[in-house]
Amino acid sequence: MDLLRFFTAGSVDDGKSTLIGRLLFDSHSISTDIIETLTKQSKNIKDDNAFNLALLTDGLRAEREQGITIDVAYKYFTTSKRKFIIADTPGHVQYTRNMFTGASLAHLALLLIDARHGITEQTKRHAVISSILRIPNVLVCVNKMDLINYSEHKFNDIKDEFIKFSNPLNLSNITFIPMSALLGENVVTQSSKLEWYKEKSLLDYLETVGINPSQELLSSRFQVQYIIRPETNVLHDYRGYAGKVLSGKYYVGQKVKIFPGNYDTEITCIEMNQQNVTEACANSSVILHLKDAIDVSRGSSIIPINELPNISNEFTATLCWMDDSSFVKGQKFYLQQNSYRTKAVIKEIVYKINIHSFTPIEGESNIQLNDICKVVIKTAESVCYDKFTENRNNGSFILINENTHNTVAAGVIE
């Protein structure tokens, strides 16, 4: 069964958490004990059988008290057609960094707009980030249509304005759906109050939207997470390399290279769930055995010799700065790409991105919280990478402060 990852984004009070709550509730994806608990917590609702739908995703106490989303809330549900992972991201400007991380591996961006207010600065900000992260599908949900009497004219105005604004962003596969999350209009089933809208409801759309490319069709990538070397009497010569197949396929007899080191060898055995298998596909956690006893450590890449990635100690990337402390020139970091780690510096700030107009701001020497910049990264050791647009799992990284060990930035390689 397919898995669709999508995130919600919008301004504060646009109804993101309510929309997800309605989607989960109306698709019967919530157990009765959770419904009973949330009904008791919804003291301000007069109907004894009703509850605040936003409580399904606003898990922090501060979120429930303020009625806002602060952290990224992940929810999982399944229908007869597809599995889903939802990332409910914050709407406040100061939590843009949370939205960047919640969106990084999504197949779909669900941008929510309050029908009364139309496109806001946060709408533009989230559209720009969706463009930077090359989200394959963009769904614009115009919410609270009940508060504007389900006006087709107003919906079309918002649609036209968004298309005009987003033209320079090159967003992929943009779709528009009018709805009322609070009342459930056009969320799971088509609404009789939106007779002029003839397309799919939200759930119908989510169940049928394309998910491309498949990780199995991408170049094969595997990084070692752990070396298994029991050295017991029974398993005296056992040496296995545990990790997750990031993309592509691996099979017994496959010729591979090991980086760093540039060693050639061959896969002799693949273990999965304590059984030997002939091949392993993307997202499988496996143990690989190699023909030769060579130097392999945590973070080493095992790559088919005919599918080699880029290998360099200098590359261009787009960063979202996540630390409260600003960037200091000459600052040293650890660059972490999956399980691989090496020392790194920001060699050059090429430009900052104006989050409102998507235009470059050149000549900047400072990076502050939530800034998005194009930079040149230089590393102490070579990094095996792909462009983020070609392979997300092998084209992204984080920067860690060498002294505090705080994650200060997330980046995608260009």
Protein backbone atom coordinates (compact mmCIF):
# COMPACT_ATOMS: atom_id res chain seq x y z
CA MET A 1 0.00 0.00 0.00
CA ASP A 2 1.31 3.47 -0.94
CA LEU A 3 2.45 5.91 1.75
CA LEU A 4 1.72 9.61 1.24
CA ARG A 5 3.62 12.12 3.37
CA PHE A 6 2.13 15.59 3.46
CA PHE A 7 2.33 18.68 5.63
CA THR A 8 -0.10 21.46 6.42
CA ALA A 9 0.95 25.09 6.51
CA GLY A 10 -0.81 28.42 6.82
CA SER A 11 -1.23 31.50 8.97
CA VAL A 12 -2.30 31.35 12.60
CA ASP A 13 -6.03 30.52 12.98
CA ASP A 14 -6.44 29.41 9.37
CA GLY A 15 -7.68 26.09 10.77
CA LYS A 16 -4.82 23.65 10.07
CA SER A 17 -5.23 21.58 13.22
CA THR A 18 -9.02 21.65 12.89
CA LEU A 19 -8.75 20.42 9.31
CA ILE A 20 -6.56 17.47 10.30
CA GLY A 21 -8.85 16.71 13.23
CA ARG A 22 -11.87 16.71 10.91
CA LEU A 23 -10.05 14.51 8.39
CA LEU A 24 -9.14 11.96 11.08
CA PHE A 25 -12.58 12.06 12.71
CA ASP A 26 -14.71 11.80 9.57
CA SER A 27 -12.51 9.05 8.10
CA HIS A 28 -13.03 7.04 11.32
CA SER A 29 -9.31 7.07 12.17
CA ILE A 30 -9.74 7.91 15.88
CA SER A 31 -10.42 5.39 18.63
CA THR A 32 -13.44 5.93 20.90
CA ASP A 33 -11.33 6.34 24.05
CA ILE A 34 -9.49 9.30 22.51
CA ILE A 35 -12.80 10.87 21.46
CA GLU A 36 -14.13 10.52 25.02
CA THR A 37 -10.99 12.10 26.49
CA LEU A 38 -11.03 15.05 24.12
CA THR A 39 -14.76 15.60 24.64
CA LYS A 40 -14.09 16.05 28.37
CA GLN A 41 -11.28 18.52 27.60
CA SER A 42 -13.48 20.61 25.29
CA LYS A 43 -15.24 22.39 28.16
CA ASN A 44 -16.12 25.46 26.09
CA ILE A 45 -18.29 23.49 23.65
CA LYS A 46 -21.98 23.31 24.62
CA ASP A 47 -22.77 20.12 22.69
CA ASP A 48 -22.00 17.19 25.02
CA ASN A 49 -21.16 14.98 22.03
CA ALA A 50 -18.77 17.45 20.43
CA PHE A 51 -15.11 18.27 21.00
CA ASN A 52 -12.45 20.66 19.75
CA LEU A 53 -11.02 18.94 16.65
CA ALA A 54 -7.72 20.84 16.94
CA LEU A 55 -6.92 18.99 20.18
CA LEU A 56 -6.17 15.89 18.08
CA THR A 57 -2.95 17.50 16.83
CA ASP A 58 -2.14 20.25 19.35
CA GLY A 59 -0.36 17.96 21.79
CA LEU A 60 1.67 20.42 23.87
CA ARG A 61 0.00 22.00 26.90
CA ALA A 62 0.99 25.46 25.65
CA GLU A 63 -0.67 24.72 22.32
CA ARG A 64 -3.93 23.64 23.91
CA GLU A 65 -4.01 26.65 26.23
CA GLN A 66 -3.29 29.17 23.48
CA GLY A 67 -5.14 27.41 20.66
CA ILE A 68 -2.09 27.47 18.38
CA THR A 69 0.44 25.03 16.95
CA ILE A 70 4.06 25.42 18.13
CA ASP A 71 5.81 22.16 17.39
CA VAL A 72 5.39 19.91 14.34
CA ALA A 73 2.69 17.36 15.19
CA TYR A 74 2.84 14.07 13.29
CA LYS A 75 -0.29 12.01 12.79
CA TYR A 76 -0.74 8.68 11.05
CA PHE A 77 -3.86 7.19 9.51
CA THR A 78 -4.87 4.65 6.90
CA THR A 79 -7.76 4.24 4.48
CA SER A 80 -8.55 1.31 2.22
CA LYS A 81 -6.49 2.94 -0.54
CA ARG A 82 -3.42 4.48 1.09
CA LYS A 83 -1.38 5.13 4.25
CA PHE A 84 -0.73 8.71 5.38
CA ILE A 85 1.75 10.60 7.54
CA ILE A 86 0.65 14.18 8.28
CA ALA A 87 2.97 16.88 9.60
CA ASP A 88 0.93 19.72 11.12
CA THR A 89 3.39 22.63 11.04
CA PRO A 90 3.19 25.93 12.99
CA GLY A 91 1.77 29.10 11.49
CA HIS A 92 3.70 31.73 13.45
CA VAL A 93 6.62 33.41 11.67
CA GLN A 94 9.02 32.54 14.52
CA TYR A 95 8.40 28.82 13.96
CA THR A 96 9.33 28.82 10.27
CA ARG A 97 12.24 26.50 11.09
CA ASN A 98 9.74 23.89 12.31
CA MET A 99 7.83 24.15 9.04
CA PHE A 100 11.05 23.66 7.04
CA THR A 101 11.84 20.39 8.82
CA GLY A 102 8.26 19.12 8.68
CA ALA A 103 8.17 19.71 4.92
CA SER A 104 11.58 18.33 3.96
CA LEU A 105 10.48 14.81 2.98
CA ALA A 106 6.86 15.48 2.01
CA HIS A 107 5.20 14.40 -1.22
CA LEU A 108 2.57 17.11 -0.87
CA ALA A 109 2.24 20.61 0.54
CA LEU A 110 -1.23 21.45 1.85
CA LEU A 111 -1.39 25.25 2.10
CA LEU A 112 -4.41 26.53 4.01
CA ILE A 113 -5.93 29.96 3.33
CA ASP A 114 -8.67 31.67 5.34
CA ALA A 115 -11.33 32.57 2.76
CA ARG A 116 -12.06 35.84 4.60
CA HIS A 117 -8.47 37.11 4.53
CA GLY A 118 -7.13 35.63 1.30
CA ILE A 119 -3.40 35.31 0.63
CA THR A 120 -1.19 36.54 3.48
CA GLU A 121 2.56 36.95 3.94
CA GLN A 122 2.67 33.53 5.60
CA THR A 123 0.95 32.01 2.56
CA LYS A 124 3.73 33.43 0.40
CA ARG A 125 6.41 32.32 2.86
CA HIS A 126 5.16 28.74 2.87
CA ALA A 127 4.82 28.70 -0.93
CA VAL A 128 8.42 29.87 -1.27
CA ILE A 129 9.66 27.14 1.10
CA SER A 130 7.62 24.56 -0.84
CA SER A 131 9.41 25.73 -3.97
CA ILE A 132 12.86 25.54 -2.34
CA LEU A 133 12.17 22.01 -1.12
CA ARG A 134 10.81 20.98 -4.54
CA ILE A 135 7.57 19.57 -3.10
CA PRO A 136 6.10 17.40 -5.93
CA ASN A 137 2.46 18.46 -5.35
CA VAL A 138 0.89 21.62 -3.92
CA LEU A 139 -2.72 21.66 -2.68
CA VAL A 140 -4.26 25.01 -1.78
CA CYS A 141 -7.26 24.58 0.54
CA VAL A 142 -9.44 27.69 0.87
CA ASN A 143 -10.95 27.16 4.32
CA LYS A 144 -13.85 28.74 6.21
CA MET A 145 -15.98 29.02 3.09
CA ASP A 146 -19.03 28.94 5.36
CA LEU A 147 -18.06 32.39 6.66
CA ILE A 148 -18.29 33.92 3.16
CA ASN A 149 -21.53 32.12 2.21
CA TYR A 150 -19.62 29.62 0.03
CA SER A 151 -18.89 32.32 -2.54
CA GLU A 152 -17.56 30.92 -5.82
CA HIS A 153 -16.47 34.43 -6.86
CA LYS A 154 -14.31 34.90 -3.75
CA PHE A 155 -12.78 31.43 -4.18
CA ASN A 156 -11.85 32.20 -7.79
CA ASP A 157 -10.30 35.54 -6.78
CA ILE A 158 -8.04 33.79 -4.26
CA LYS A 159 -7.17 31.11 -6.81
CA ASP A 160 -6.23 33.69 -9.48
CA GLU A 161 -4.15 35.71 -7.00
CA PHE A 162 -2.23 32.63 -5.85
CA ILE A 163 -1.49 31.52 -9.43
CA LYS A 164 -0.23 35.00 -10.31
CA PHE A 165 2.00 35.18 -7.23
CA SER A 166 3.37 31.64 -7.60
CA ASN A 167 4.27 31.75 -11.29
CA PRO A 168 7.97 32.60 -10.64
CA LEU A 169 8.21 29.81 -8.03
CA ASN A 170 7.70 26.96 -10.50
CA LEU A 171 5.51 25.04 -8.05
CA SER A 172 4.44 21.58 -9.20
CA ASN A 173 0.90 20.32 -9.78
CA ILE A 174 -1.11 23.06 -8.01
CA THR A 175 -4.70 22.10 -7.06
CA PHE A 176 -7.38 24.21 -5.30
CA ILE A 177 -10.17 22.93 -3.03
CA PRO A 178 -12.82 25.10 -1.24
CA MET A 179 -13.97 23.77 2.14
CA SER A 180 -15.09 24.31 5.72
CA ALA A 181 -12.92 22.21 8.05
CA LEU A 182 -15.04 23.01 11.11
CA LEU A 183 -18.27 21.83 9.48
CA GLY A 184 -16.67 19.06 7.41
CA GLU A 185 -17.73 20.52 4.06
CA ASN A 186 -15.65 19.00 1.23
CA VAL A 187 -13.19 17.33 3.61
CA VAL A 188 -14.08 13.63 3.38
CA THR A 189 -17.14 13.83 1.14
CA GLN A 190 -18.24 16.39 -1.43
CA SER A 191 -20.35 19.21 -0.03
CA SER A 192 -23.90 19.95 -1.17
CA LYS A 193 -23.27 23.58 -0.18
CA LEU A 194 -20.50 23.86 -2.79
CA GLU A 195 -22.50 22.69 -5.79
CA TRP A 196 -20.45 24.85 -8.14
CA TYR A 197 -17.31 22.88 -7.23
CA LYS A 198 -17.26 19.67 -9.30
CA GLU A 199 -13.83 18.28 -8.40
CA LYS A 200 -12.69 15.87 -5.64
CA SER A 201 -13.06 16.29 -1.90
CA LEU A 202 -9.86 16.52 0.15
CA LEU A 203 -9.75 12.82 1.07
CA ASP A 204 -10.51 11.74 -2.51
CA TYR A 205 -7.64 13.92 -3.68
CA LEU A 206 -5.23 12.58 -1.04
CA GLU A 207 -6.08 9.00 -1.95
CA THR A 208 -5.39 9.48 -5.65
CA VAL A 209 -2.64 12.13 -6.01
CA GLY A 210 0.54 10.81 -7.60
CA ILE A 211 3.58 9.94 -5.47
CA ASN A 212 6.68 10.24 -7.63
CA PRO A 213 9.41 9.35 -7.96
CA SER A 214 9.46 6.00 -6.19
CA GLN A 215 12.51 5.59 -3.97
CA GLU A 216 13.11 2.22 -5.61
CA LEU A 217 13.59 3.89 -9.00
CA LEU A 218 16.32 6.22 -7.75
CA SER A 219 20.05 5.49 -7.62
CA SER A 220 20.93 2.97 -4.90
CA ARG A 221 22.19 4.53 -1.67
CA PHE A 222 23.11 2.86 1.64
CA GLN A 223 24.93 4.26 4.65
CA VAL A 224 26.30 2.11 7.46
CA GLN A 225 24.74 2.84 10.84
CA TYR A 226 26.35 0.09 12.89
CA ILE A 227 29.10 -2.53 12.53
CA ILE A 228 28.02 -5.94 13.84
CA ARG A 229 31.06 -7.93 14.98
CA PRO A 230 30.09 -10.47 17.71
CA GLU A 231 33.49 -12.27 17.82
CA THR A 232 31.99 -15.29 19.58
CA ASN A 233 33.01 -18.92 19.08
CA VAL A 234 29.90 -19.51 16.98
CA LEU A 235 30.20 -16.26 15.00
CA HIS A 236 33.95 -15.81 15.03
CA ASP A 237 34.24 -14.43 11.48
CA TYR A 238 30.88 -12.64 11.38
CA ARG A 239 31.08 -9.04 10.11
CA GLY A 240 27.88 -7.29 9.08
CA TYR A 241 27.08 -3.70 8.17
CA ALA A 242 23.66 -2.64 9.43
CA GLY A 243 21.71 0.26 7.99
CA LYS A 244 18.73 1.36 5.93
CA VAL A 245 18.48 1.27 2.15
CA LEU A 246 17.91 4.97 1.47
CA SER A 247 16.90 4.44 -2.16
CA GLY A 248 17.21 1.98 -5.02
CA LYS A 249 17.92 -1.75 -4.66
CA TYR A 250 20.74 -3.96 -3.41
CA TYR A 251 21.24 -7.61 -4.27
CA VAL A 252 23.61 -10.49 -3.58
CA GLY A 253 26.51 -10.49 -6.05
CA GLN A 254 26.29 -6.74 -6.68
CA LYS A 255 29.61 -4.94 -7.31
CA VAL A 256 29.95 -1.95 -4.98
CA LYS A 257 32.34 0.80 -3.91
CA ILE A 258 32.95 1.90 -0.33
CA PHE A 259 33.34 5.59 0.49
CA PRO A 260 35.39 7.05 1.97
CA GLY A 261 38.30 4.90 0.83
CA ASN A 262 37.15 4.16 -2.72
CA TYR A 263 37.39 0.40 -2.17
CA ASP A 264 35.88 -2.10 -4.61
CA THR A 265 34.12 -5.18 -3.28
CA GLU A 266 30.99 -7.30 -3.66
CA ILE A 267 27.86 -8.01 -1.59
CA THR A 268 27.90 -11.67 -0.56
CA CYS A 269 24.86 -11.80 1.74
CA ILE A 270 21.88 -9.66 2.75
CA GLU A 271 20.05 -10.23 6.04
CA MET A 272 16.58 -8.90 6.76
CA ASN A 273 14.54 -9.80 9.86
CA GLN A 274 17.14 -12.48 10.76
CA GLN A 275 16.72 -14.21 7.41
CA ASN A 276 18.88 -14.24 4.29
CA VAL A 277 17.32 -12.57 1.24
CA THR A 278 18.54 -12.13 -2.32
CA GLU A 279 17.72 -8.40 -2.58
CA ALA A 280 16.61 -5.41 -0.53
CA CYS A 281 14.61 -2.39 -1.67
CA ALA A 282 14.33 1.23 -0.51
CA ASN A 283 13.31 1.80 3.14
CA SER A 284 14.40 -1.72 4.15
CA SER A 285 16.54 -2.10 7.28
CA VAL A 286 19.15 -4.73 6.46
CA ILE A 287 22.60 -6.12 7.23
CA LEU A 288 25.01 -6.30 4.30
CA HIS A 289 27.97 -8.67 4.16
CA LEU A 290 30.92 -7.87 1.90
CA LYS A 291 33.37 -10.17 0.13
CA ASP A 292 36.49 -8.37 1.39
CA ALA A 293 37.53 -7.38 4.92
CA ILE A 294 38.08 -3.69 4.24
CA ASP A 295 37.91 -0.52 6.32
CA VAL A 296 34.21 0.26 6.79
CA SER A 297 32.90 2.39 9.66
CA ARG A 298 29.71 4.17 10.74
CA GLY A 299 28.70 6.64 8.04
CA SER A 300 30.48 4.80 5.22
CA SER A 301 28.51 4.67 1.96
CA ILE A 302 28.11 1.41 0.05
CA ILE A 303 27.32 2.34 -3.56
CA PRO A 304 26.89 0.22 -6.72
CA ILE A 305 29.85 0.88 -9.03
CA ASN A 306 27.51 1.86 -11.89
CA GLU A 307 25.46 4.35 -9.81
CA LEU A 308 28.09 6.59 -8.24
CA PRO A 309 27.02 9.88 -6.57
CA ASN A 310 28.81 13.23 -6.46
CA ILE A 311 31.87 13.13 -4.22
CA SER A 312 33.36 16.42 -3.07
CA ASN A 313 34.42 18.42 -0.02
CA GLU A 314 32.76 21.58 -1.35
CA PHE A 315 29.21 22.13 -2.60
CA THR A 316 26.41 24.68 -2.85
CA ALA A 317 23.34 24.32 -0.64
CA THR A 318 20.24 26.16 0.54
CA LEU A 319 20.08 26.53 4.34
CA CYS A 320 17.35 27.36 6.81
CA TRP A 321 18.97 28.78 9.95
CA MET A 322 17.38 27.27 13.08
CA ASP A 323 19.46 28.60 15.94
CA ASP A 324 18.52 31.56 18.14
CA SER A 325 22.18 32.65 17.91
CA SER A 326 23.21 34.23 14.62
CA PHE A 327 25.89 32.82 12.35
CA VAL A 328 29.41 34.01 13.11
CA LYS A 329 31.91 34.14 10.26
CA GLY A 330 34.51 31.40 10.62
CA GLN A 331 32.22 29.35 12.85
CA LYS A 332 32.94 25.61 12.75
CA PHE A 333 30.28 22.91 12.53
CA TYR A 334 29.72 19.23 12.22
CA LEU A 335 27.89 18.38 9.01
CA GLN A 336 25.64 15.36 9.49
CA GLN A 337 24.24 13.61 6.42
CA ASN A 338 22.22 10.60 7.61
CA SER A 339 24.78 8.68 9.71
CA TYR A 340 27.86 10.32 8.14
CA ARG A 341 29.52 13.17 10.03
CA THR A 342 32.43 15.44 9.20
CA LYS A 343 33.66 18.90 10.17
CA ALA A 344 32.51 21.81 8.01
CA VAL A 345 32.43 25.57 7.57
CA ILE A 346 30.24 27.96 5.62
CA LYS A 347 32.79 29.21 3.10
CA GLU A 348 30.53 31.79 1.46
CA ILE A 349 27.05 33.28 1.75
CA VAL A 350 26.03 33.59 -1.89
CA TYR A 351 22.77 35.37 -1.07
CA LYS A 352 19.77 35.42 1.23
CA ILE A 353 16.33 34.66 -0.15
CA ASN A 354 13.65 37.31 0.30
CA ILE A 355 10.92 35.09 1.70
CA HIS A 356 8.17 37.39 0.45
CA SER A 357 9.25 37.90 -3.15
CA PHE A 358 11.59 34.93 -3.72
CA THR A 359 14.29 37.35 -4.90
CA PRO A 360 17.98 37.11 -3.87
CA ILE A 361 19.51 39.60 -1.45
CA GLU A 362 23.24 39.74 -2.18
CA GLY A 363 26.08 41.12 -0.09
CA GLU A 364 24.78 39.67 3.20
CA SER A 365 27.31 38.49 5.79
CA ASN A 366 24.95 37.55 8.62
CA ILE A 367 22.47 34.68 9.02
CA GLN A 368 19.77 34.87 11.69
CA LEU A 369 16.94 32.68 12.95
CA ASN A 370 14.60 31.52 10.12
CA ASP A 371 16.78 33.07 7.39
CA ILE A 372 16.99 31.02 4.20
CA CYS A 373 20.25 31.40 2.31
CA LYS A 374 22.21 29.95 -0.54
CA VAL A 375 25.71 29.11 0.73
CA VAL A 376 28.90 27.29 -0.17
CA ILE A 377 29.84 24.55 2.31
CA LYS A 378 33.39 23.25 2.69
CA THR A 379 33.98 19.99 4.59
CA ALA A 380 37.06 18.39 6.11
CA GLU A 381 36.35 15.08 4.35
CA SER A 382 34.59 14.42 1.07
CA VAL A 383 30.82 13.91 1.14
CA CYS A 384 28.95 11.43 -1.10
CA TYR A 385 25.82 13.27 -2.15
CA ASP A 386 23.14 13.72 -4.79
CA LYS A 387 21.30 16.89 -5.66
CA PHE A 388 18.25 17.23 -3.42
CA THR A 389 16.04 17.45 -6.51
CA GLU A 390 17.34 14.02 -7.64
CA ASN A 391 17.49 12.14 -4.34
CA ARG A 392 16.10 13.76 -1.18
CA ASN A 393 17.47 11.16 1.23
CA ASN A 394 21.03 11.64 0.02
CA GLY A 395 20.79 15.36 -0.75
CA SER A 396 19.98 16.83 2.66
CA PHE A 397 21.95 17.46 5.86
CA ILE A 398 22.07 19.36 9.13
CA LEU A 399 24.76 21.56 10.66
CA ILE A 400 25.62 21.07 14.33
CA ASN A 401 27.41 23.64 16.50
CA GLU A 402 30.82 22.17 17.32
CA ASN A 403 30.77 23.51 20.88
CA THR A 404 27.13 23.34 22.01
CA HIS A 405 26.10 20.37 19.82
CA ASN A 406 22.87 22.21 18.97
CA THR A 407 21.44 21.75 15.49
CA VAL A 408 21.79 25.20 13.97
CA ALA A 409 20.70 24.69 10.36
CA ALA A 410 19.10 22.27 7.92
CA GLY A 411 20.13 22.26 4.30
CA VAL A 412 19.45 20.84 0.85
CA ILE A 413 22.26 20.33 -1.64
CA GLU A 414 22.08 21.95 -5.05
